[in-house]
Structures are given as C-alpha cells and as structure tokens.
Amino acid sequence: MMDDSQTQSPLGYTLPEAADASDPRQEHANKQLFLEVARQMFVERDLGAIDRFYAEDYVNYDPQRQVRARAAGLTDRQATRDFFEHFLTAFPDVKLSVDQLYAEGDRVVAVTSWRGTHKGAFFGMPPSGRPILIRTAEVFRIRDGKFQDHWDVVDQSALMPQARQGQ
C-alpha cells in the first residue's frame, strides 16, 4: 500500500496495482476500434466515421489544431473532419500504415506512417507532385466505444521539405 508521499509520482504517472489492472478484452476491443475507424477513414475514405466514432465533446490536444478550430468556430470533432478533408484532397493517394499498436486501460497508442503524393494545396502550400512520408505517434482515450481525447506527435519535418522541393 502506498503512503501519501507515494501517491503522486514525480513523473506524473503512477502504475496501477495489479489488482486494478485493465481488462485485456477491453484493451483488445479498443485496438480493434482504432483499426476499424482507421480502415473506414483511410481505406474506404469515409469521413463519416468521425461522426460515428468520435464523441461529440471529443478533445484534440494538438495546440495548432485547437487554435485553428477555435479561430474557425469549430468543435475539435468538426475540426478533425475539416483537417482530414483537406489532407485527403492534398494527398489523394495517401496510405496509412499502422507500424505499432498498444493498449492500456482506456488508451490506445498507435505509431503510424503515411505515404502519398502531394497533389493538392495543403494549408497554403501548393502541390509539389512529390512523394511524402509523415510519421506520427497517436494516443487516444476511449470512452463508451468512442474516441474521447487525442494527443499526437507528428513528424512535420518529414513533410515540409519534401513537399516544398517542387517549388
């Protein structure tokens, strides 16, 4: 049993005790949810999956996306759909590869690679016709079978120089 001095980890994360361990079946279901949403959005190109699988009060903790969403008067869920509409127009042949997928409790972590060709304007950047590679690390919190929160790290350095080479 932890005393009060051990309650808050100096690292901000406290490992749950084994007795409180998550249900592996739920973690598997959360990974399946991630894969199904990714399939619908990026194989079938059905962005309606955002309305079906992202909570109405979904929060994207990417500060750049939050600023753009607030400036446009959009919720984070609406801004996510707007972003991917632009993304799929700019990179119409993009393919998503899930390189690693983990789950713990109500969180799913995906490491992904995106490969495609820059064929359309993307947030003010004219099409270059060049191939692109974007790598991301994504963390989703799932509540009631929907994405509730999202954190990501996007390797934008891989996108910008490749797309601008054609200018």
Protein backbone atom coordinates (compact mmCIF):
# COMPACT_ATOMS: atom_id res chain seq x y z
CA MET A 1 0.00 0.00 0.00
CA MET A 2 1.30 3.47 -0.86
CA ASP A 3 1.54 6.22 1.69
CA ASP A 4 0.67 9.83 0.80
CA SER A 5 4.25 10.60 -0.27
CA GLN A 6 3.99 7.87 -2.94
CA THR A 7 0.55 8.87 -4.25
CA GLN A 8 1.81 11.41 -6.78
CA SER A 9 4.67 10.19 -8.93
CA PRO A 10 7.33 12.80 -9.71
CA LEU A 11 6.97 11.60 -13.31
CA GLY A 12 3.22 12.26 -13.37
CA TYR A 13 2.30 8.62 -13.97
CA THR A 14 1.55 6.04 -11.35
CA LEU A 15 1.49 2.42 -12.39
CA PRO A 16 -1.80 0.83 -11.34
CA GLU A 17 -1.57 -2.03 -8.90
CA ALA A 18 -2.05 -5.48 -10.42
CA ALA A 19 -5.43 -5.85 -8.71
CA ASP A 20 -6.62 -2.79 -10.65
CA ALA A 21 -5.20 -4.00 -13.96
CA SER A 22 -7.32 -3.39 -17.01
CA ASP A 23 -9.41 -6.00 -18.74
CA PRO A 24 -7.33 -7.37 -21.64
CA ARG A 25 -10.55 -7.99 -23.60
CA GLN A 26 -11.41 -4.28 -23.39
CA GLU A 27 -7.90 -3.31 -24.43
CA HIS A 28 -8.20 -5.64 -27.43
CA ALA A 29 -11.60 -4.12 -28.27
CA ASN A 30 -10.06 -0.63 -28.08
CA LYS A 31 -7.33 -1.66 -30.53
CA GLN A 32 -9.98 -3.13 -32.82
CA LEU A 33 -11.92 0.16 -32.62
CA PHE A 34 -8.83 2.12 -33.66
CA LEU A 35 -8.19 -0.20 -36.60
CA GLU A 36 -11.83 -0.10 -37.73
CA VAL A 37 -12.00 3.69 -37.63
CA ALA A 38 -8.67 3.94 -39.49
CA ARG A 39 -9.92 1.47 -42.12
CA GLN A 40 -13.16 3.37 -42.67
CA MET A 41 -11.44 6.76 -42.86
CA PHE A 42 -8.29 5.94 -44.82
CA VAL A 43 -9.12 2.85 -46.87
CA GLU A 44 -12.80 3.49 -47.59
CA ARG A 45 -12.32 7.29 -47.38
CA ASP A 46 -15.49 7.53 -45.25
CA LEU A 47 -15.02 10.58 -43.04
CA GLY A 48 -18.50 9.98 -41.63
CA ALA A 49 -16.61 7.63 -39.30
CA ILE A 50 -15.63 10.77 -37.38
CA ASP A 51 -19.30 11.46 -36.61
CA ARG A 52 -19.86 7.82 -35.66
CA PHE A 53 -16.74 7.13 -33.61
CA TYR A 54 -15.60 10.45 -32.14
CA ALA A 55 -17.52 11.71 -29.09
CA GLU A 56 -19.41 14.98 -29.54
CA ASP A 57 -17.21 16.55 -26.87
CA TYR A 58 -14.02 14.98 -28.30
CA VAL A 59 -10.88 16.95 -27.44
CA ASN A 60 -7.79 17.09 -29.64
CA TYR A 61 -4.86 18.29 -27.52
CA ASP A 62 -2.75 19.35 -30.51
CA PRO A 63 -2.32 23.10 -29.84
CA GLN A 64 -2.07 24.00 -33.55
CA ARG A 65 -5.32 22.22 -34.33
CA GLN A 66 -7.02 23.76 -31.29
CA VAL A 67 -6.03 27.26 -32.41
CA ARG A 68 -7.31 26.61 -35.95
CA ALA A 69 -10.53 25.07 -34.61
CA ARG A 70 -11.26 27.98 -32.26
CA ALA A 71 -10.45 30.55 -34.98
CA ALA A 72 -12.91 28.82 -37.34
CA GLY A 73 -15.57 28.39 -34.63
CA LEU A 74 -15.40 24.59 -34.90
CA THR A 75 -15.51 21.89 -32.25
CA ASP A 76 -12.49 19.61 -32.15
CA ARG A 77 -14.55 16.88 -33.81
CA GLN A 78 -15.61 19.23 -36.63
CA ALA A 79 -12.03 20.49 -36.99
CA THR A 80 -10.78 16.90 -37.25
CA ARG A 81 -13.15 16.23 -40.13
CA ASP A 82 -12.15 19.52 -41.78
CA PHE A 83 -8.46 18.66 -41.42
CA PHE A 84 -8.84 15.22 -42.98
CA GLU A 85 -10.99 16.58 -45.84
CA HIS A 86 -8.08 18.90 -46.69
CA PHE A 87 -5.48 16.20 -46.07
CA LEU A 88 -7.15 13.61 -48.32
CA THR A 89 -7.62 16.21 -51.07
CA ALA A 90 -3.97 17.28 -50.89
CA PHE A 91 -2.69 13.69 -50.71
CA PRO A 92 -5.38 11.67 -52.53
CA ASP A 93 -3.28 8.51 -52.81
CA VAL A 94 -2.11 8.53 -49.18
CA LYS A 95 -1.82 5.16 -47.50
CA LEU A 96 -1.78 4.69 -43.75
CA SER A 97 0.39 2.02 -42.20
CA VAL A 98 -0.04 1.15 -38.53
CA ASP A 99 3.51 0.30 -37.50
CA GLN A 100 2.84 -0.37 -33.81
CA LEU A 101 -0.35 -0.57 -31.75
CA TYR A 102 -0.65 -0.78 -27.98
CA ALA A 103 -3.46 -0.51 -25.46
CA GLU A 104 -3.57 0.00 -21.74
CA GLY A 105 -6.81 0.63 -19.90
CA ASP A 106 -8.84 3.15 -21.88
CA ARG A 107 -5.86 4.31 -24.02
CA VAL A 108 -4.70 3.18 -27.43
CA VAL A 109 -1.28 4.19 -28.74
CA ALA A 110 -0.52 3.92 -32.45
CA VAL A 111 2.72 4.62 -34.26
CA THR A 112 1.88 5.26 -37.90
CA SER A 113 3.41 6.08 -41.27
CA TRP A 114 1.61 7.96 -44.02
CA ARG A 115 2.88 7.74 -47.60
CA GLY A 116 1.43 9.51 -50.59
CA THR A 117 1.92 12.19 -53.21
CA HIS A 118 1.40 15.90 -52.65
CA LYS A 119 -1.15 16.58 -55.42
CA GLY A 120 -3.28 19.37 -53.93
CA ALA A 121 -2.95 22.53 -51.88
CA PHE A 122 -2.46 21.89 -48.18
CA PHE A 123 -2.91 24.77 -45.75
CA GLY A 124 -1.44 27.30 -48.14
CA MET A 125 1.26 25.02 -49.52
CA PRO A 126 0.83 24.47 -53.27
CA PRO A 127 1.07 20.91 -54.62
CA SER A 128 4.61 19.76 -55.32
CA GLY A 129 3.90 16.43 -57.00
CA ARG A 130 6.50 14.90 -54.68
CA PRO A 131 6.11 11.79 -52.54
CA ILE A 132 5.74 12.43 -48.82
CA LEU A 133 6.30 10.42 -45.69
CA ILE A 134 4.75 11.52 -42.40
CA ARG A 135 5.26 9.60 -39.18
CA THR A 136 3.07 10.04 -36.12
CA ALA A 137 2.59 8.75 -32.62
CA GLU A 138 -1.07 8.93 -31.58
CA VAL A 139 -2.72 8.41 -28.21
CA PHE A 140 -6.50 8.09 -27.99
CA ARG A 141 -8.58 7.81 -24.84
CA ILE A 142 -11.72 5.79 -25.47
CA ARG A 143 -14.95 6.19 -23.55
CA ASP A 144 -18.18 4.32 -24.31
CA GLY A 145 -16.80 2.97 -27.59
CA LYS A 146 -15.81 6.39 -28.95
CA PHE A 147 -12.66 8.46 -29.16
CA GLN A 148 -12.83 10.98 -26.32
CA ASP A 149 -9.37 12.57 -26.23
CA HIS A 150 -6.40 12.64 -28.59
CA TRP A 151 -2.74 13.54 -28.26
CA ASP A 152 -0.23 13.23 -31.06
CA VAL A 153 3.29 13.93 -32.16
CA VAL A 154 3.63 14.47 -35.89
CA ASP A 155 6.95 14.43 -37.68
CA GLN A 156 6.24 17.56 -39.74
CA SER A 157 9.91 17.93 -40.63
CA ALA A 158 9.48 14.95 -42.91
CA LEU A 159 6.55 16.60 -44.72
CA MET A 160 7.58 20.19 -45.22
CA PRO A 161 10.93 19.82 -47.02
CA GLN A 162 9.60 17.02 -49.25
CA ALA A 163 6.53 18.98 -50.29
CA ARG A 164 8.49 22.19 -50.89
CA GLN A 165 11.16 20.61 -53.07
CA GLY A 166 8.90 21.05 -56.07
CA GLN A 167 8.63 24.83 -55.65
